[in-house]
N, C-alpha and C. Protein backbone atom coordinates (compact mmCIF):
# COMPACT_ATOMS: atom_id res chain seq x y z
N MET A 1 -20.20 -4.55 20.96
CA MET A 1 -21.05 -3.97 19.93
C MET A 1 -20.22 -3.04 19.05
N TYR A 2 -20.44 -3.11 17.74
CA TYR A 2 -19.70 -2.28 16.79
C TYR A 2 -20.32 -0.90 16.69
N ASN A 3 -19.47 0.11 16.56
CA ASN A 3 -19.99 1.43 16.23
C ASN A 3 -19.94 1.59 14.72
N GLN A 4 -20.45 2.68 14.20
CA GLN A 4 -20.53 2.88 12.76
C GLN A 4 -19.15 2.78 12.10
N GLY A 5 -18.12 3.35 12.71
CA GLY A 5 -16.77 3.32 12.15
C GLY A 5 -16.24 1.91 12.03
N GLN A 6 -16.49 1.09 13.03
CA GLN A 6 -16.01 -0.29 12.99
C GLN A 6 -16.73 -1.09 11.92
N VAL A 7 -18.02 -0.86 11.77
CA VAL A 7 -18.79 -1.56 10.74
C VAL A 7 -18.27 -1.16 9.36
N TYR A 8 -18.03 0.13 9.16
CA TYR A 8 -17.52 0.61 7.88
C TYR A 8 -16.15 0.01 7.60
N ARG A 9 -15.26 0.01 8.60
CA ARG A 9 -13.90 -0.52 8.42
C ARG A 9 -13.94 -2.01 8.08
N LYS A 10 -14.81 -2.75 8.77
CA LYS A 10 -14.93 -4.18 8.50
C LYS A 10 -15.39 -4.42 7.07
N GLN A 11 -16.37 -3.67 6.62
CA GLN A 11 -16.86 -3.81 5.25
C GLN A 11 -15.78 -3.40 4.25
N GLU A 12 -15.03 -2.35 4.56
CA GLU A 12 -13.96 -1.90 3.67
C GLU A 12 -12.90 -2.99 3.50
N VAL A 13 -12.53 -3.64 4.60
CA VAL A 13 -11.52 -4.70 4.55
C VAL A 13 -12.04 -5.90 3.77
N GLN A 14 -13.29 -6.26 4.01
CA GLN A 14 -13.86 -7.44 3.35
C GLN A 14 -14.02 -7.27 1.85
N THR A 15 -14.16 -6.03 1.39
CA THR A 15 -14.39 -5.80 -0.04
C THR A 15 -13.15 -5.26 -0.76
N ALA A 16 -12.06 -5.05 -0.05
CA ALA A 16 -10.86 -4.47 -0.65
C ALA A 16 -10.13 -5.48 -1.52
N THR A 17 -9.46 -4.96 -2.53
CA THR A 17 -8.59 -5.80 -3.35
C THR A 17 -7.34 -6.13 -2.52
N PRO A 18 -6.62 -7.17 -2.89
CA PRO A 18 -5.37 -7.47 -2.17
C PRO A 18 -4.40 -6.28 -2.17
N LEU A 19 -4.32 -5.57 -3.28
CA LEU A 19 -3.43 -4.41 -3.36
C LEU A 19 -3.88 -3.32 -2.40
N HIS A 20 -5.18 -3.10 -2.32
CA HIS A 20 -5.66 -2.06 -1.40
C HIS A 20 -5.47 -2.48 0.07
N LEU A 21 -5.54 -3.76 0.34
CA LEU A 21 -5.24 -4.23 1.71
C LEU A 21 -3.80 -3.92 2.09
N VAL A 22 -2.89 -4.03 1.14
CA VAL A 22 -1.49 -3.67 1.40
C VAL A 22 -1.41 -2.18 1.77
N ILE A 23 -2.09 -1.35 1.00
CA ILE A 23 -2.08 0.10 1.27
C ILE A 23 -2.69 0.38 2.64
N MET A 24 -3.75 -0.33 2.99
CA MET A 24 -4.37 -0.14 4.30
C MET A 24 -3.41 -0.54 5.42
N ALA A 25 -2.61 -1.58 5.20
CA ALA A 25 -1.62 -1.98 6.20
C ALA A 25 -0.57 -0.90 6.35
N TYR A 26 -0.16 -0.29 5.25
CA TYR A 26 0.78 0.84 5.33
C TYR A 26 0.15 1.99 6.12
N ASP A 27 -1.12 2.29 5.85
CA ASP A 27 -1.81 3.36 6.58
C ASP A 27 -1.77 3.11 8.08
N LEU A 28 -2.05 1.87 8.47
CA LEU A 28 -2.03 1.53 9.89
C LEU A 28 -0.63 1.67 10.47
N ALA A 29 0.38 1.20 9.74
CA ALA A 29 1.76 1.29 10.22
C ALA A 29 2.18 2.74 10.37
N ILE A 30 1.85 3.57 9.39
CA ILE A 30 2.22 4.99 9.44
C ILE A 30 1.50 5.69 10.59
N ARG A 31 0.21 5.45 10.71
CA ARG A 31 -0.57 6.06 11.80
C ARG A 31 0.00 5.64 13.15
N SER A 32 0.38 4.38 13.27
CA SER A 32 0.93 3.88 14.53
C SER A 32 2.28 4.52 14.84
N CYS A 33 3.09 4.76 13.82
CA CYS A 33 4.35 5.47 14.04
C CYS A 33 4.08 6.90 14.49
N ASP A 34 3.10 7.55 13.87
CA ASP A 34 2.74 8.92 14.27
C ASP A 34 2.32 8.96 15.75
N GLN A 35 1.62 7.93 16.18
CA GLN A 35 1.12 7.87 17.56
C GLN A 35 2.12 7.23 18.52
N LYS A 36 3.28 6.81 17.98
CA LYS A 36 4.30 6.12 18.78
C LYS A 36 3.72 4.89 19.48
N ASP A 37 2.87 4.18 18.75
CA ASP A 37 2.23 2.95 19.23
C ASP A 37 3.07 1.78 18.74
N MET A 38 4.03 1.37 19.54
CA MET A 38 4.97 0.35 19.13
C MET A 38 4.30 -0.98 18.79
N VAL A 39 3.38 -1.42 19.61
CA VAL A 39 2.76 -2.73 19.41
C VAL A 39 2.03 -2.78 18.07
N THR A 40 1.21 -1.79 17.79
CA THR A 40 0.45 -1.80 16.55
C THR A 40 1.35 -1.60 15.34
N ALA A 41 2.35 -0.73 15.46
CA ALA A 41 3.29 -0.51 14.35
C ALA A 41 4.04 -1.80 14.03
N LEU A 42 4.49 -2.50 15.05
CA LEU A 42 5.20 -3.76 14.83
C LEU A 42 4.29 -4.79 14.16
N LYS A 43 3.03 -4.84 14.60
CA LYS A 43 2.09 -5.80 14.00
C LYS A 43 1.83 -5.46 12.54
N ALA A 44 1.65 -4.19 12.24
CA ALA A 44 1.34 -3.79 10.86
C ALA A 44 2.51 -4.07 9.92
N VAL A 45 3.72 -3.71 10.34
CA VAL A 45 4.89 -3.95 9.48
C VAL A 45 5.16 -5.45 9.38
N SER A 46 4.94 -6.17 10.45
CA SER A 46 5.12 -7.63 10.40
C SER A 46 4.11 -8.26 9.43
N ALA A 47 2.89 -7.74 9.39
CA ALA A 47 1.89 -8.25 8.45
C ALA A 47 2.33 -8.00 7.01
N LEU A 48 2.90 -6.83 6.76
CA LEU A 48 3.42 -6.54 5.43
C LEU A 48 4.56 -7.50 5.08
N ARG A 49 5.44 -7.71 6.02
CA ARG A 49 6.57 -8.62 5.81
C ARG A 49 6.08 -10.04 5.55
N ASP A 50 5.12 -10.48 6.33
CA ASP A 50 4.63 -11.86 6.22
C ASP A 50 3.82 -12.09 4.95
N ALA A 51 3.36 -11.03 4.31
CA ALA A 51 2.56 -11.15 3.09
C ALA A 51 3.40 -11.11 1.82
N LEU A 52 4.70 -11.01 1.95
CA LEU A 52 5.56 -10.93 0.76
C LEU A 52 5.40 -12.17 -0.11
N ASP A 53 5.41 -11.94 -1.41
CA ASP A 53 5.27 -13.02 -2.38
C ASP A 53 6.66 -13.32 -2.95
N TYR A 54 7.23 -14.43 -2.54
CA TYR A 54 8.59 -14.78 -2.93
C TYR A 54 8.66 -15.36 -4.34
N ASN A 55 7.53 -15.41 -5.05
CA ASN A 55 7.58 -15.74 -6.48
C ASN A 55 8.26 -14.60 -7.24
N TYR A 56 8.30 -13.43 -6.62
CA TYR A 56 9.00 -12.27 -7.16
C TYR A 56 10.18 -12.00 -6.23
N ALA A 57 11.16 -12.90 -6.28
CA ALA A 57 12.21 -12.98 -5.27
C ALA A 57 12.98 -11.67 -5.07
N GLU A 58 13.42 -11.04 -6.14
CA GLU A 58 14.24 -9.84 -5.99
C GLU A 58 13.48 -8.72 -5.27
N ILE A 59 12.25 -8.49 -5.71
CA ILE A 59 11.43 -7.45 -5.08
C ILE A 59 11.13 -7.83 -3.63
N ALA A 60 10.75 -9.08 -3.41
CA ALA A 60 10.41 -9.53 -2.06
C ALA A 60 11.61 -9.38 -1.12
N MET A 61 12.79 -9.73 -1.58
CA MET A 61 13.98 -9.64 -0.72
C MET A 61 14.32 -8.18 -0.40
N ASN A 62 14.14 -7.29 -1.38
CA ASN A 62 14.39 -5.87 -1.12
C ASN A 62 13.38 -5.31 -0.12
N LEU A 63 12.11 -5.69 -0.30
CA LEU A 63 11.10 -5.24 0.65
C LEU A 63 11.33 -5.85 2.03
N LEU A 64 11.75 -7.10 2.08
CA LEU A 64 12.04 -7.75 3.35
C LEU A 64 13.11 -6.97 4.11
N ALA A 65 14.15 -6.56 3.42
CA ALA A 65 15.21 -5.79 4.07
C ALA A 65 14.68 -4.46 4.60
N LEU A 66 13.84 -3.80 3.82
CA LEU A 66 13.26 -2.52 4.26
C LEU A 66 12.31 -2.72 5.45
N TYR A 67 11.48 -3.75 5.39
CA TYR A 67 10.57 -4.02 6.50
C TYR A 67 11.34 -4.36 7.78
N ASN A 68 12.37 -5.16 7.65
CA ASN A 68 13.17 -5.50 8.83
C ASN A 68 13.85 -4.27 9.41
N TRP A 69 14.32 -3.38 8.53
CA TRP A 69 14.92 -2.13 9.00
C TRP A 69 13.88 -1.28 9.73
N CYS A 70 12.67 -1.21 9.17
CA CYS A 70 11.59 -0.45 9.83
C CYS A 70 11.25 -1.06 11.19
N LEU A 71 11.20 -2.38 11.25
CA LEU A 71 10.92 -3.05 12.53
C LEU A 71 11.99 -2.72 13.56
N ASP A 72 13.26 -2.70 13.13
CA ASP A 72 14.34 -2.33 14.04
C ASP A 72 14.19 -0.89 14.52
N CYS A 73 13.86 0.01 13.60
CA CYS A 73 13.65 1.41 13.99
C CYS A 73 12.53 1.54 15.01
N ILE A 74 11.44 0.86 14.77
CA ILE A 74 10.29 0.93 15.68
C ILE A 74 10.69 0.40 17.05
N ARG A 75 11.41 -0.71 17.09
CA ARG A 75 11.85 -1.27 18.38
C ARG A 75 12.76 -0.30 19.14
N LYS A 76 13.52 0.50 18.39
CA LYS A 76 14.41 1.50 18.99
C LYS A 76 13.68 2.82 19.24
N GLN A 77 12.38 2.84 18.97
CA GLN A 77 11.53 4.01 19.09
C GLN A 77 11.98 5.15 18.18
N GLU A 78 12.52 4.79 17.04
CA GLU A 78 12.91 5.75 16.01
C GLU A 78 11.78 5.79 14.97
N TYR A 79 10.64 6.29 15.42
CA TYR A 79 9.42 6.25 14.63
C TYR A 79 9.50 7.10 13.37
N LYS A 80 10.18 8.24 13.47
CA LYS A 80 10.26 9.15 12.33
C LYS A 80 10.92 8.48 11.12
N GLN A 81 12.01 7.77 11.35
CA GLN A 81 12.72 7.11 10.26
C GLN A 81 11.86 6.01 9.64
N ALA A 82 11.23 5.20 10.49
CA ALA A 82 10.37 4.13 10.00
C ALA A 82 9.20 4.72 9.21
N ARG A 83 8.61 5.77 9.76
CA ARG A 83 7.46 6.40 9.11
C ARG A 83 7.81 6.92 7.73
N GLN A 84 8.96 7.55 7.60
CA GLN A 84 9.37 8.11 6.32
C GLN A 84 9.50 7.01 5.26
N THR A 85 10.15 5.93 5.62
CA THR A 85 10.32 4.82 4.69
C THR A 85 8.97 4.20 4.33
N LEU A 86 8.14 3.99 5.33
CA LEU A 86 6.81 3.41 5.08
C LEU A 86 5.97 4.31 4.19
N ALA A 87 6.06 5.62 4.41
CA ALA A 87 5.28 6.57 3.60
C ALA A 87 5.74 6.53 2.14
N GLU A 88 7.04 6.44 1.92
CA GLU A 88 7.56 6.37 0.55
C GLU A 88 7.12 5.07 -0.13
N LEU A 89 7.18 3.97 0.59
CA LEU A 89 6.73 2.69 0.03
C LEU A 89 5.24 2.73 -0.27
N ARG A 90 4.47 3.33 0.63
CA ARG A 90 3.02 3.43 0.43
C ARG A 90 2.71 4.19 -0.85
N GLU A 91 3.42 5.29 -1.07
CA GLU A 91 3.18 6.08 -2.27
C GLU A 91 3.46 5.27 -3.53
N ALA A 92 4.47 4.41 -3.48
CA ALA A 92 4.77 3.55 -4.63
C ALA A 92 3.60 2.60 -4.90
N TRP A 93 3.06 2.02 -3.83
CA TRP A 93 1.93 1.10 -3.99
C TRP A 93 0.68 1.83 -4.49
N VAL A 94 0.46 3.07 -4.02
CA VAL A 94 -0.68 3.86 -4.49
C VAL A 94 -0.53 4.15 -5.98
N THR A 95 0.68 4.46 -6.41
CA THR A 95 0.93 4.70 -7.83
C THR A 95 0.58 3.46 -8.65
N ILE A 96 1.00 2.31 -8.17
CA ILE A 96 0.68 1.06 -8.87
C ILE A 96 -0.83 0.85 -8.92
N GLU A 97 -1.50 1.07 -7.79
CA GLU A 97 -2.96 0.90 -7.75
C GLU A 97 -3.63 1.84 -8.73
N ASN A 98 -3.19 3.09 -8.77
CA ASN A 98 -3.78 4.06 -9.70
C ASN A 98 -3.57 3.64 -11.15
N GLN A 99 -2.39 3.14 -11.46
CA GLN A 99 -2.11 2.68 -12.82
C GLN A 99 -2.99 1.49 -13.18
N MET A 100 -3.18 0.60 -12.24
CA MET A 100 -4.01 -0.58 -12.50
C MET A 100 -5.47 -0.21 -12.68
N ASN A 101 -5.91 0.83 -12.00
CA ASN A 101 -7.31 1.24 -12.07
C ASN A 101 -7.60 2.24 -13.17
N ALA A 102 -6.55 2.74 -13.83
CA ALA A 102 -6.74 3.73 -14.89
C ALA A 102 -7.43 3.06 -16.07
N PRO A 103 -8.34 3.80 -16.69
CA PRO A 103 -9.00 3.22 -17.87
C PRO A 103 -7.98 2.99 -18.98
N LYS A 104 -8.15 1.91 -19.67
CA LYS A 104 -7.25 1.57 -20.78
C LYS A 104 -7.65 2.41 -21.99
N ALA A 105 -6.67 3.01 -22.63
CA ALA A 105 -6.93 3.84 -23.81
C ALA A 105 -7.17 2.94 -25.02
N HIS A 106 -8.25 3.21 -25.71
CA HIS A 106 -8.57 2.52 -26.94
C HIS A 106 -8.23 3.46 -28.09
N PRO A 107 -7.84 2.96 -29.23
CA PRO A 107 -7.45 3.84 -30.33
C PRO A 107 -8.48 4.92 -30.63
N ALA A 108 -9.77 4.60 -30.56
CA ALA A 108 -10.80 5.58 -30.88
C ALA A 108 -10.96 6.62 -29.78
N SER A 109 -10.47 6.33 -28.58
CA SER A 109 -10.68 7.27 -27.47
C SER A 109 -9.44 8.08 -27.15
N THR A 110 -8.42 8.01 -27.98
CA THR A 110 -7.19 8.74 -27.70
C THR A 110 -7.25 10.18 -28.17
N GLY A 111 -8.33 10.55 -28.81
CA GLY A 111 -8.45 11.91 -29.31
C GLY A 111 -8.01 12.03 -30.76
N VAL A 112 -7.47 10.96 -31.29
CA VAL A 112 -7.03 10.97 -32.67
C VAL A 112 -8.13 10.35 -33.53
N SER A 113 -8.57 11.09 -34.50
CA SER A 113 -9.64 10.58 -35.36
C SER A 113 -9.06 9.56 -36.33
N MET A 114 -9.68 8.42 -36.39
CA MET A 114 -9.22 7.37 -37.29
C MET A 114 -9.98 7.44 -38.63
N ALA A 115 -10.96 8.31 -38.68
CA ALA A 115 -11.76 8.40 -39.89
C ALA A 115 -11.04 9.26 -40.93
N VAL A 116 -11.12 8.82 -42.14
CA VAL A 116 -10.53 9.58 -43.25
C VAL A 116 -11.68 10.04 -44.13
N ARG A 117 -11.71 11.32 -44.35
CA ARG A 117 -12.77 11.88 -45.16
C ARG A 117 -12.38 11.86 -46.62
N THR A 118 -13.26 11.38 -47.41
CA THR A 118 -12.98 11.40 -48.86
C THR A 118 -13.84 12.45 -49.52
N ALA A 119 -13.30 13.04 -50.54
CA ALA A 119 -14.02 14.10 -51.24
C ALA A 119 -14.88 13.57 -52.35
C-alpha cells in the first residue's frame, strides 16, 4: 500500500518533463551519496549515463566520462567527490530548465515604450 509521499512522488514522476526527470535523477544520486547508499547511488548515476542522447555526441561523451568517474568514486566509497561533481552538474541542468521556463520577452513587455507621441 502506498503512503501519501509515495503517491505524490509517483504523480510527480508521471507528470515531469524529461528535463525535470534528469534533475530528479541527480537529486536521488546526490541524496544517495549523502547517505552513503552505494546501491542506489550506482543505480541513479547509471540511469543518467544510460539516458545520454548521442545525437549530441560531444556533450554526451563528456557527460559519459563524468558519469563513469562518479561511478568509480562511488564504488571506491568516495562519496564526497562524486557528490560534488553531481551537484555541479545538477545546477547546470537547473539553470537550463529555468531558462527554458522563463517567459519570453516581447517587444511591448520589455519596458520600452514603442509608442511615439505626436504633438
